Amino acid sequence: MSDELTCRQLALKDMADASIVFPNAFDARLPWLAGGHSPEEDLDFWSGYLFANCVIRGVARQAELIGVIAFRENWIEQLYVLPHAQGQGTGSGLLDVAKARHSQLELWVFQKNDGARRFYESRGFCAARETDGADNEEREPDILYYWRRVG
């Protein structure tokens, strides 16, 4: 049985799977914020706003979607990898897709998400601004990160 990974553009029919990757990865990394939305709300967000406004790519191992990225011009909206698939290059590969298409990118990361902060910082992202969380849905302090292609 092959352990080969495939990366592809996701279609509307794939949004149900993408909307499952998101809370599984999010809740594992940020358990104190777990369960903020119902599965129906997550599906609506992925098949509605994200699908209409972003490029959405996914990585699958066999038939299981293990990682997703949703990005638009100069902005990463979402990047999540299932906990059991983290640390294997999936997130880096997805991030590289967005970096190849844009010369600069920005994204938000919660201040307490040390794993995500290390991930982005080790891939050339720099902290631009910290907030107290008053303007995000979770009311969780966050950091705006940016990346610029050199050369």
C-alpha atoms as a PDB file:
ATOM      1  CA  MET A   1       0.000   0.000   0.000  1.00  0.00           C
ATOM      2  CA  SER A   2       1.410   3.395  -1.005  1.00  0.00           C
ATOM      3  CA  ASP A   3       2.001   6.207   1.480  1.00  0.00           C
ATOM      4  CA  GLU A   4       2.278   8.703  -1.381  1.00  0.00           C
ATOM      5  CA  LEU A   5       0.976  12.212  -0.849  1.00  0.00           C
ATOM      6  CA  THR A   6      -0.961  14.086  -3.518  1.00  0.00           C
ATOM      7  CA  CYS A   7      -1.536  17.832  -3.588  1.00  0.00           C
ATOM      8  CA  ARG A   8      -4.368  19.256  -5.675  1.00  0.00           C
ATOM      9  CA  GLN A   9      -6.815  22.090  -6.101  1.00  0.00           C
ATOM     10  CA  LEU A  10      -9.941  21.285  -4.102  1.00  0.00           C
ATOM     11  CA  ALA A  11     -13.426  21.447  -5.625  1.00  0.00           C
ATOM     12  CA  LEU A  12     -16.700  22.380  -3.985  1.00  0.00           C
ATOM     13  CA  LYS A  13     -17.391  18.682  -3.390  1.00  0.00           C
ATOM     14  CA  ASP A  14     -14.198  18.533  -1.271  1.00  0.00           C
ATOM     15  CA  MET A  15     -15.279  21.245   1.158  1.00  0.00           C
ATOM     16  CA  ALA A  16     -16.937  18.754   3.519  1.00  0.00           C
ATOM     17  CA  ASP A  17     -13.564  17.038   3.997  1.00  0.00           C
ATOM     18  CA  ALA A  18     -11.739  20.384   4.317  1.00  0.00           C
ATOM     19  CA  SER A  19     -14.229  21.532   6.923  1.00  0.00           C
ATOM     20  CA  ILE A  20     -13.372  18.422   8.975  1.00  0.00           C
ATOM     21  CA  VAL A  21      -9.585  18.910   8.785  1.00  0.00           C
ATOM     22  CA  PHE A  22      -9.981  22.437  10.155  1.00  0.00           C
ATOM     23  CA  PRO A  23     -11.607  21.714  13.562  1.00  0.00           C
ATOM     24  CA  ASN A  24      -9.584  18.547  14.168  1.00  0.00           C
ATOM     25  CA  ALA A  25      -6.308  20.430  13.737  1.00  0.00           C
ATOM     26  CA  PHE A  26      -7.532  23.622  15.438  1.00  0.00           C
ATOM     27  CA  ASP A  27      -9.031  21.870  18.467  1.00  0.00           C
ATOM     28  CA  ALA A  28      -5.923  19.721  19.001  1.00  0.00           C
ATOM     29  CA  ARG A  29      -3.619  22.757  18.978  1.00  0.00           C
ATOM     30  CA  LEU A  30      -5.940  25.166  20.845  1.00  0.00           C
ATOM     31  CA  PRO A  31      -8.152  23.016  23.114  1.00  0.00           C
ATOM     32  CA  TRP A  32      -9.328  25.972  25.208  1.00  0.00           C
ATOM     33  CA  LEU A  33     -10.976  27.353  22.039  1.00  0.00           C
ATOM     34  CA  ALA A  34     -12.362  23.997  20.844  1.00  0.00           C
ATOM     35  CA  GLY A  35     -15.914  23.720  19.605  1.00  0.00           C
ATOM     36  CA  GLY A  36     -16.396  27.351  18.669  1.00  0.00           C
ATOM     37  CA  HIS A  37     -18.540  26.399  15.671  1.00  0.00           C
ATOM     38  CA  SER A  38     -20.874  23.599  14.739  1.00  0.00           C
ATOM     39  CA  PRO A  39     -19.902  21.230  11.896  1.00  0.00           C
ATOM     40  CA  GLU A  40     -22.618  22.912   9.786  1.00  0.00           C
ATOM     41  CA  GLU A  41     -21.095  26.362  10.416  1.00  0.00           C
ATOM     42  CA  ASP A  42     -17.634  25.070   9.476  1.00  0.00           C
ATOM     43  CA  LEU A  43     -18.996  23.564   6.252  1.00  0.00           C
ATOM     44  CA  ASP A  44     -20.830  26.790   5.393  1.00  0.00           C
ATOM     45  CA  PHE A  45     -17.628  28.798   5.944  1.00  0.00           C
ATOM     46  CA  TRP A  46     -15.510  26.496   3.757  1.00  0.00           C
ATOM     47  CA  SER A  47     -18.076  25.982   0.979  1.00  0.00           C
ATOM     48  CA  GLY A  48     -19.254  29.596   1.086  1.00  0.00           C
ATOM     49  CA  TYR A  49     -16.787  32.347   1.932  1.00  0.00           C
ATOM     50  CA  LEU A  50     -13.518  30.450   1.501  1.00  0.00           C
ATOM     51  CA  PHE A  51     -14.494  28.626  -1.681  1.00  0.00           C
ATOM     52  CA  ALA A  52     -15.766  31.851  -3.270  1.00  0.00           C
ATOM     53  CA  ASN A  53     -12.760  33.985  -2.291  1.00  0.00           C
ATOM     54  CA  CYS A  54      -9.702  31.744  -2.066  1.00  0.00           C
ATOM     55  CA  VAL A  55      -7.583  29.197  -3.829  1.00  0.00           C
ATOM     56  CA  ILE A  56      -7.986  26.033  -1.772  1.00  0.00           C
ATOM     57  CA  ARG A  57      -5.430  23.261  -2.071  1.00  0.00           C
ATOM     58  CA  GLY A  58      -5.328  20.010  -0.189  1.00  0.00           C
ATOM     59  CA  VAL A  59      -2.911  17.196   0.494  1.00  0.00           C
ATOM     60  CA  ALA A  60      -4.196  13.656   0.706  1.00  0.00           C
ATOM     61  CA  ARG A  61      -2.595  10.404   1.741  1.00  0.00           C
ATOM     62  CA  GLN A  62      -4.487   7.695  -0.108  1.00  0.00           C
ATOM     63  CA  ALA A  63      -8.123   8.814   0.236  1.00  0.00           C
ATOM     64  CA  GLU A  64      -7.689  10.846   3.453  1.00  0.00           C
ATOM     65  CA  LEU A  65      -7.410  14.626   3.210  1.00  0.00           C
ATOM     66  CA  ILE A  66      -4.708  15.443   5.773  1.00  0.00           C
ATOM     67  CA  GLY A  67      -3.965  19.120   5.111  1.00  0.00           C
ATOM     68  CA  VAL A  68      -5.573  22.205   3.586  1.00  0.00           C
ATOM     69  CA  ILE A  69      -4.635  25.764   2.728  1.00  0.00           C
ATOM     70  CA  ALA A  70      -6.964  28.560   1.668  1.00  0.00           C
ATOM     71  CA  PHE A  71      -5.257  31.681   0.333  1.00  0.00           C
ATOM     72  CA  ARG A  72      -5.983  34.740  -1.769  1.00  0.00           C
ATOM     73  CA  GLU A  73      -3.960  37.700  -2.997  1.00  0.00           C
ATOM     74  CA  ASN A  74      -1.188  38.263  -0.423  1.00  0.00           C
ATOM     75  CA  TRP A  75      -3.154  36.580   2.361  1.00  0.00           C
ATOM     76  CA  ILE A  76      -3.378  33.123   3.935  1.00  0.00           C
ATOM     77  CA  GLU A  77      -6.844  32.607   5.348  1.00  0.00           C
ATOM     78  CA  GLN A  78      -6.415  29.052   6.643  1.00  0.00           C
ATOM     79  CA  LEU A  79      -3.653  26.430   6.870  1.00  0.00           C
ATOM     80  CA  TYR A  80      -4.361  23.255   8.829  1.00  0.00           C
ATOM     81  CA  VAL A  81      -2.835  19.773   8.960  1.00  0.00           C
ATOM     82  CA  LEU A  82      -4.354  16.885  10.892  1.00  0.00           C
ATOM     83  CA  PRO A  83      -2.438  16.207  14.127  1.00  0.00           C
ATOM     84  CA  HIS A  84      -1.261  12.718  13.093  1.00  0.00           C
ATOM     85  CA  ALA A  85       0.188  14.135   9.850  1.00  0.00           C
ATOM     86  CA  GLN A  86       2.051  17.107  11.318  1.00  0.00           C
ATOM     87  CA  GLY A  87       5.833  17.250  11.190  1.00  0.00           C
ATOM     88  CA  GLN A  88       6.002  15.388   7.872  1.00  0.00           C
ATOM     89  CA  GLY A  89       6.276  18.305   5.427  1.00  0.00           C
ATOM     90  CA  THR A  90       2.582  18.642   4.574  1.00  0.00           C
ATOM     91  CA  GLY A  91       2.213  22.153   5.977  1.00  0.00           C
ATOM     92  CA  SER A  92       5.478  23.279   4.397  1.00  0.00           C
ATOM     93  CA  GLY A  93       4.380  21.955   1.025  1.00  0.00           C
ATOM     94  CA  LEU A  94       1.052  23.747   1.236  1.00  0.00           C
ATOM     95  CA  LEU A  95       2.736  26.966   2.317  1.00  0.00           C
ATOM     96  CA  ASP A  96       5.147  26.679  -0.617  1.00  0.00           C
ATOM     97  CA  VAL A  97       2.162  26.620  -3.011  1.00  0.00           C
ATOM     98  CA  ALA A  98       1.029  30.024  -1.742  1.00  0.00           C
ATOM     99  CA  LYS A  99       4.588  31.392  -1.692  1.00  0.00           C
ATOM    100  CA  ALA A 100       5.081  30.364  -5.323  1.00  0.00           C
ATOM    101  CA  ARG A 101       2.033  32.391  -6.388  1.00  0.00           C
ATOM    102  CA  HIS A 102       2.584  35.534  -4.317  1.00  0.00           C
ATOM    103  CA  SER A 103       5.621  37.675  -3.540  1.00  0.00           C
ATOM    104  CA  GLN A 104       4.237  38.586  -0.133  1.00  0.00           C
ATOM    105  CA  LEU A 105       1.853  36.961   2.318  1.00  0.00           C
ATOM    106  CA  GLU A 106       0.262  37.830   5.631  1.00  0.00           C
ATOM    107  CA  LEU A 107      -1.681  35.805   8.191  1.00  0.00           C
ATOM    108  CA  TRP A 108      -2.864  35.832  11.797  1.00  0.00           C
ATOM    109  CA  VAL A 109      -1.686  33.394  14.478  1.00  0.00           C
ATOM    110  CA  PHE A 110      -2.892  33.254  18.073  1.00  0.00           C
ATOM    111  CA  GLN A 111      -0.137  34.307  20.467  1.00  0.00           C
ATOM    112  CA  LYS A 112      -0.549  31.111  22.523  1.00  0.00           C
ATOM    113  CA  ASN A 113      -0.145  28.875  19.442  1.00  0.00           C
ATOM    114  CA  ASP A 114       3.576  28.266  19.928  1.00  0.00           C
ATOM    115  CA  GLY A 115       3.690  25.460  17.362  1.00  0.00           C
ATOM    116  CA  ALA A 116       2.248  27.634  14.587  1.00  0.00           C
ATOM    117  CA  ARG A 117       4.481  30.537  15.547  1.00  0.00           C
ATOM    118  CA  ARG A 118       7.592  28.325  15.321  1.00  0.00           C
ATOM    119  CA  PHE A 119       6.347  26.878  12.022  1.00  0.00           C
ATOM    120  CA  TYR A 120       5.878  30.262  10.333  1.00  0.00           C
ATOM    121  CA  GLU A 121       8.967  31.897  11.825  1.00  0.00           C
ATOM    122  CA  SER A 122      11.161  29.013  10.648  1.00  0.00           C
ATOM    123  CA  ARG A 123       9.790  29.567   7.138  1.00  0.00           C
ATOM    124  CA  GLY A 124      10.666  33.243   6.922  1.00  0.00           C
ATOM    125  CA  PHE A 125       7.594  34.916   8.428  1.00  0.00           C
ATOM    126  CA  CYS A 126       8.119  37.856  10.779  1.00  0.00           C
ATOM    127  CA  ALA A 127       5.815  39.269  13.440  1.00  0.00           C
ATOM    128  CA  ALA A 128       4.436  42.644  12.367  1.00  0.00           C
ATOM    129  CA  ARG A 129       1.902  43.452  15.072  1.00  0.00           C
ATOM    130  CA  GLU A 130       0.408  41.963  18.229  1.00  0.00           C
ATOM    131  CA  THR A 131      -3.171  42.541  19.354  1.00  0.00           C
ATOM    132  CA  ASP A 132      -5.144  41.916  22.519  1.00  0.00           C
ATOM    133  CA  GLY A 133      -7.721  39.887  20.573  1.00  0.00           C
ATOM    134  CA  ALA A 134     -10.502  42.465  20.906  1.00  0.00           C
ATOM    135  CA  ASP A 135     -11.087  42.406  17.135  1.00  0.00           C
ATOM    136  CA  ASN A 136     -11.203  38.634  16.534  1.00  0.00           C
ATOM    137  CA  GLU A 137     -14.118  36.289  17.040  1.00  0.00           C
ATOM    138  CA  GLU A 138     -12.359  34.242  19.726  1.00  0.00           C
ATOM    139  CA  ARG A 139     -11.207  37.317  21.723  1.00  0.00           C
ATOM    140  CA  GLU A 140      -7.780  35.672  21.816  1.00  0.00           C
ATOM    141  CA  PRO A 141      -4.563  37.750  21.571  1.00  0.00           C
ATOM    142  CA  ASP A 142      -2.969  37.243  18.175  1.00  0.00           C
ATOM    143  CA  ILE A 143      -0.049  38.216  15.980  1.00  0.00           C
ATOM    144  CA  LEU A 144      -0.045  39.436  12.396  1.00  0.00           C
ATOM    145  CA  TYR A 145       2.794  37.762  10.489  1.00  0.00           C
ATOM    146  CA  TYR A 146       4.196  38.752   7.103  1.00  0.00           C
ATOM    147  CA  TRP A 147       6.527  37.190   4.564  1.00  0.00           C
ATOM    148  CA  ARG A 148       8.183  38.839   1.566  1.00  0.00           C
ATOM    149  CA  ARG A 149      10.040  37.075  -1.229  1.00  0.00           C
ATOM    150  CA  VAL A 150      13.629  38.252  -1.384  1.00  0.00           C
ATOM    151  CA  GLY A 151      15.085  39.073  -4.770  1.00  0.00           C
END
